[in-house]
Amino acid sequence: MVSSARNSGGKPETMVAYASRHIRAALAKGDIKPGGRISPNALAEEFGLSHIPVREALASLAATGYVVHHRGRGYFARELSPEDLDDICQWREVTEREAYRLAVPRLTDGDIAHMRDLVERMSRLLAPEDRFAYVELDREFHFTCFRRVGSQRLLTMLDYLWDSAQPYATLEPTGSGHSHAEHVDLLALLVSGETDAVIDGMRRHRRTCLAHAGSWEQGPDQSRR
């Protein structure tokens, strides 16, 4: 079965893929907070789908670690401990170090222009209320580099690592001024092609981002419905 929706490539997507994409977006935005119960029936109504593709999407997301299924209780958004966040940071560092080493020499003038435009757009989204929009552009900035490696396996791994921590980066509204200053510096290093300096700058930037993610503390009510 195919829905009338289309993915980012303009191709029709299955109803399961449609549901999965929207659930992942809700998790990333913090609409479904860490630890929050996920109601398949409520999501089916929201998406205009039957409960079957929604349940299939949740089962798939549980298998890949985006959500947790407790037998007899249902589905819940995954919660991350400080140790989990540190583990994500460690594997991002390992994976991204090699990604930048391969990507930086391959960046095109078009890539640089795109990243420069992203930095300009980010400069207008530094207020706490713009945090989610800022984080989305932040991600596109880095993935512009990662895509230049030319490996879908790499992108899949990095998507998972970034998705895992993103709810914690956006749940607590905060200004993005310090992060933006780091992006300005990173852009200058990317323009100059200084691969080792980019890797070193990203190590500091990554730690800053995940330190913010780890500072968020859950409130008493984490349910979506």
Protein backbone atom coordinates (compact mmCIF):
# COMPACT_ATOMS: atom_id res chain seq x y z
CA MET A 1 0.00 0.00 0.00
CA VAL A 2 1.23 3.46 -0.86
CA SER A 3 0.14 6.69 0.74
CA SER A 4 -0.39 9.93 -1.13
CA ALA A 5 2.58 11.40 0.75
CA ARG A 6 5.99 11.70 -0.85
CA ASN A 7 9.38 11.46 0.74
CA SER A 8 12.22 13.94 0.37
CA GLY A 9 13.17 12.33 -2.94
CA GLY A 10 9.71 13.00 -4.38
CA LYS A 11 8.78 9.32 -4.52
CA PRO A 12 5.53 7.91 -3.09
CA GLU A 13 6.12 6.19 0.25
CA THR A 14 4.32 3.34 1.98
CA MET A 15 1.96 4.13 4.83
CA VAL A 16 4.38 2.42 7.21
CA ALA A 17 7.24 4.64 6.01
CA TYR A 18 4.99 7.71 6.29
CA ALA A 19 4.06 6.81 9.88
CA SER A 20 7.67 6.04 10.78
CA ARG A 21 8.91 9.36 9.38
CA HIS A 22 6.33 11.34 11.32
CA ILE A 23 6.93 9.46 14.56
CA ARG A 24 10.66 10.08 14.27
CA ALA A 25 9.96 13.78 13.65
CA ALA A 26 7.73 13.94 16.74
CA LEU A 27 10.49 12.33 18.80
CA ALA A 28 13.11 14.75 17.45
CA LYS A 29 10.93 17.79 18.15
CA GLY A 30 10.14 16.63 21.67
CA ASP A 31 6.42 16.36 20.88
CA ILE A 32 6.83 12.87 22.31
CA LYS A 33 9.13 13.38 25.27
CA PRO A 34 11.69 10.83 26.50
CA GLY A 35 9.88 8.23 28.56
CA GLY A 36 6.51 9.32 27.20
CA ARG A 37 3.93 6.68 26.32
CA ILE A 38 3.07 6.47 22.62
CA SER A 39 -0.54 5.70 21.73
CA PRO A 40 -0.79 3.90 18.35
CA ASN A 41 -4.51 4.71 18.12
CA ALA A 42 -3.94 8.40 18.79
CA LEU A 43 -1.16 8.52 16.19
CA ALA A 44 -3.33 6.67 13.65
CA GLU A 45 -6.05 9.27 14.11
CA GLU A 46 -3.55 12.13 13.87
CA PHE A 47 -1.97 10.75 10.69
CA GLY A 48 -5.26 9.73 9.08
CA LEU A 49 -4.17 6.08 8.89
CA SER A 50 -5.42 2.77 10.21
CA HIS A 51 -3.70 1.48 13.35
CA ILE A 52 -1.96 -1.34 11.41
CA PRO A 53 0.76 0.71 9.61
CA VAL A 54 1.30 2.76 12.76
CA ARG A 55 1.88 -0.38 14.83
CA GLU A 56 4.19 -1.76 12.13
CA ALA A 57 6.13 1.50 12.15
CA LEU A 58 6.45 1.42 15.93
CA ALA A 59 7.61 -2.21 15.86
CA SER A 60 10.28 -1.26 13.32
CA LEU A 61 11.35 1.78 15.37
CA ALA A 62 11.56 -0.41 18.47
CA ALA A 63 13.78 -2.90 16.62
CA THR A 64 16.19 -0.10 15.68
CA GLY A 65 16.21 1.54 19.12
CA TYR A 66 14.18 4.70 18.50
CA VAL A 67 11.38 3.62 20.84
CA VAL A 68 10.96 0.96 23.52
CA HIS A 69 8.26 -1.69 23.68
CA HIS A 70 7.25 -3.03 27.10
CA ARG A 71 5.18 -6.16 26.86
CA GLY A 72 1.69 -5.56 28.20
CA ARG A 73 2.32 -1.81 28.57
CA GLY A 74 2.91 -0.55 25.05
CA TYR A 75 5.41 1.73 23.34
CA PHE A 76 7.44 4.49 24.95
CA ALA A 77 9.95 7.06 23.73
CA ARG A 78 13.45 5.94 24.65
CA GLU A 79 15.09 7.63 27.63
CA LEU A 80 18.84 8.19 27.64
CA SER A 81 21.07 8.15 30.70
CA PRO A 82 24.21 10.29 30.95
CA GLU A 83 26.13 7.10 30.10
CA ASP A 84 24.00 6.63 26.96
CA LEU A 85 24.71 10.20 25.85
CA ASP A 86 28.43 9.72 26.47
CA ASP A 87 28.33 6.52 24.41
CA ILE A 88 26.61 8.37 21.55
CA CYS A 89 29.26 11.08 21.72
CA GLN A 90 32.07 8.52 21.63
CA TRP A 91 30.74 6.72 18.54
CA ARG A 92 29.90 9.96 16.79
CA GLU A 93 33.49 11.05 17.37
CA VAL A 94 34.89 7.81 15.96
CA THR A 95 32.59 7.80 12.94
CA GLU A 96 32.66 11.50 12.15
CA ARG A 97 36.45 11.76 12.42
CA GLU A 98 36.86 9.46 9.43
CA ALA A 99 33.88 11.03 7.65
CA TYR A 100 35.45 14.50 7.81
CA ARG A 101 38.84 13.11 6.81
CA LEU A 102 37.30 11.74 3.61
CA ALA A 103 34.78 14.53 2.99
CA VAL A 104 36.70 17.77 3.49
CA PRO A 105 39.00 17.33 0.45
CA ARG A 106 35.94 16.50 -1.68
CA LEU A 107 33.79 19.51 -0.80
CA THR A 108 32.68 21.50 -3.82
CA ASP A 109 32.10 25.21 -4.22
CA GLY A 110 28.38 24.38 -4.16
CA ASP A 111 28.75 22.59 -0.81
CA ILE A 112 30.57 25.57 0.67
CA ALA A 113 27.95 27.98 -0.67
CA HIS A 114 25.17 25.83 0.82
CA MET A 115 26.87 25.71 4.23
CA ARG A 116 27.50 29.44 4.13
CA ASP A 117 23.80 30.00 3.45
CA LEU A 118 22.89 27.68 6.34
CA VAL A 119 25.15 29.60 8.73
CA GLU A 120 23.49 32.85 7.64
CA ARG A 121 20.03 31.40 8.23
CA MET A 122 21.12 30.02 11.60
CA SER A 123 22.25 33.50 12.64
CA ARG A 124 18.57 34.53 12.60
CA LEU A 125 17.49 31.64 14.83
CA LEU A 126 19.50 32.17 18.00
CA ALA A 127 16.57 32.82 20.35
CA PRO A 128 15.39 30.00 22.67
CA GLU A 129 12.01 29.77 20.93
CA ASP A 130 13.80 29.01 17.63
CA ARG A 131 15.83 26.15 19.06
CA PHE A 132 14.30 23.32 17.02
CA ALA A 133 14.57 25.20 13.72
CA TYR A 134 18.20 26.02 14.57
CA VAL A 135 19.03 22.38 15.34
CA GLU A 136 17.52 21.26 12.03
CA LEU A 137 19.79 23.67 10.09
CA ASP A 138 22.74 22.64 12.28
CA ARG A 139 22.18 19.03 11.21
CA GLU A 140 21.98 19.93 7.51
CA PHE A 141 25.25 21.88 7.86
CA HIS A 142 27.14 18.79 9.03
CA PHE A 143 25.38 16.30 6.78
CA THR A 144 26.32 18.40 3.75
CA CYS A 145 29.85 17.27 4.56
CA PHE A 146 28.94 13.70 5.40
CA ARG A 147 27.06 13.18 2.12
CA ARG A 148 30.23 14.06 0.21
CA VAL A 149 31.78 10.77 1.44
CA GLY A 150 29.34 8.95 -0.84
CA SER A 151 28.37 6.15 1.58
CA GLN A 152 24.75 5.43 2.43
CA ARG A 153 25.87 3.11 5.23
CA LEU A 154 27.73 5.98 6.84
CA LEU A 155 24.69 8.24 6.59
CA THR A 156 22.46 5.56 8.12
CA MET A 157 24.80 5.17 11.10
CA LEU A 158 25.10 8.90 11.62
CA ASP A 159 21.34 9.43 11.23
CA TYR A 160 20.77 6.96 14.05
CA LEU A 161 23.34 8.55 16.36
CA TRP A 162 22.06 12.08 15.71
CA ASP A 163 18.40 11.04 16.00
CA SER A 164 19.06 9.33 19.34
CA ALA A 165 20.26 12.48 21.07
CA GLN A 166 18.27 15.14 19.20
CA PRO A 167 15.23 15.17 21.54
CA TYR A 168 17.55 16.07 24.40
CA ALA A 169 19.05 18.92 22.36
CA THR A 170 15.67 20.56 21.75
CA LEU A 171 13.51 19.84 24.80
CA GLU A 172 14.87 22.67 26.90
CA PRO A 173 14.67 25.98 25.03
CA THR A 174 18.04 27.66 25.08
CA GLY A 175 19.85 30.29 23.08
CA SER A 176 22.15 29.07 20.31
CA GLY A 177 24.68 31.89 20.22
CA HIS A 178 27.69 29.86 21.38
CA SER A 179 26.89 27.03 18.97
CA HIS A 180 26.55 29.51 16.12
CA ALA A 181 29.95 31.05 16.84
CA GLU A 182 31.44 27.55 16.59
CA HIS A 183 29.75 27.02 13.23
CA VAL A 184 31.22 30.27 11.93
CA ASP A 185 34.67 29.01 12.93
CA LEU A 186 34.03 25.58 11.42
CA LEU A 187 32.93 27.11 8.13
CA ALA A 188 36.18 29.07 7.90
CA LEU A 189 38.15 25.86 8.49
CA LEU A 190 36.12 23.98 5.88
CA VAL A 191 36.71 26.75 3.35
CA SER A 192 40.45 26.55 4.00
CA GLY A 193 40.41 22.75 3.68
CA GLU A 194 42.20 22.26 7.01
CA THR A 195 40.99 18.72 7.68
CA ASP A 196 42.79 18.13 10.97
CA ALA A 197 41.64 21.50 12.30
CA VAL A 198 38.06 20.69 11.29
CA ILE A 199 38.24 17.37 13.16
CA ASP A 200 39.65 19.08 16.24
CA GLY A 201 37.03 21.85 16.11
CA MET A 202 34.25 19.29 15.73
CA ARG A 203 35.49 17.39 18.77
CA ARG A 204 34.98 20.50 20.90
CA HIS A 205 31.68 21.38 19.20
CA ARG A 206 30.30 17.86 19.67
CA ARG A 207 31.10 17.89 23.37
CA THR A 208 29.38 21.25 23.75
CA CYS A 209 26.23 19.98 22.04
CA LEU A 210 25.99 16.75 24.01
CA ALA A 211 26.80 18.51 27.28
CA HIS A 212 23.69 20.61 26.66
CA ALA A 213 21.70 17.49 25.83
CA GLY A 214 22.76 15.88 29.08
CA SER A 215 21.75 18.90 31.15
CA TRP A 216 18.05 18.45 30.43
CA GLU A 217 16.06 16.99 33.33
CA GLN A 218 12.68 15.41 32.82
CA GLY A 219 9.57 16.96 34.26
CA PRO A 220 6.99 14.93 36.16
CA ASP A 221 4.59 14.45 33.25
CA GLN A 222 6.10 12.82 30.17
CA SER A 223 2.97 11.40 28.55
CA ARG A 224 1.92 12.39 25.07
CA ARG A 225 -1.75 11.53 25.39
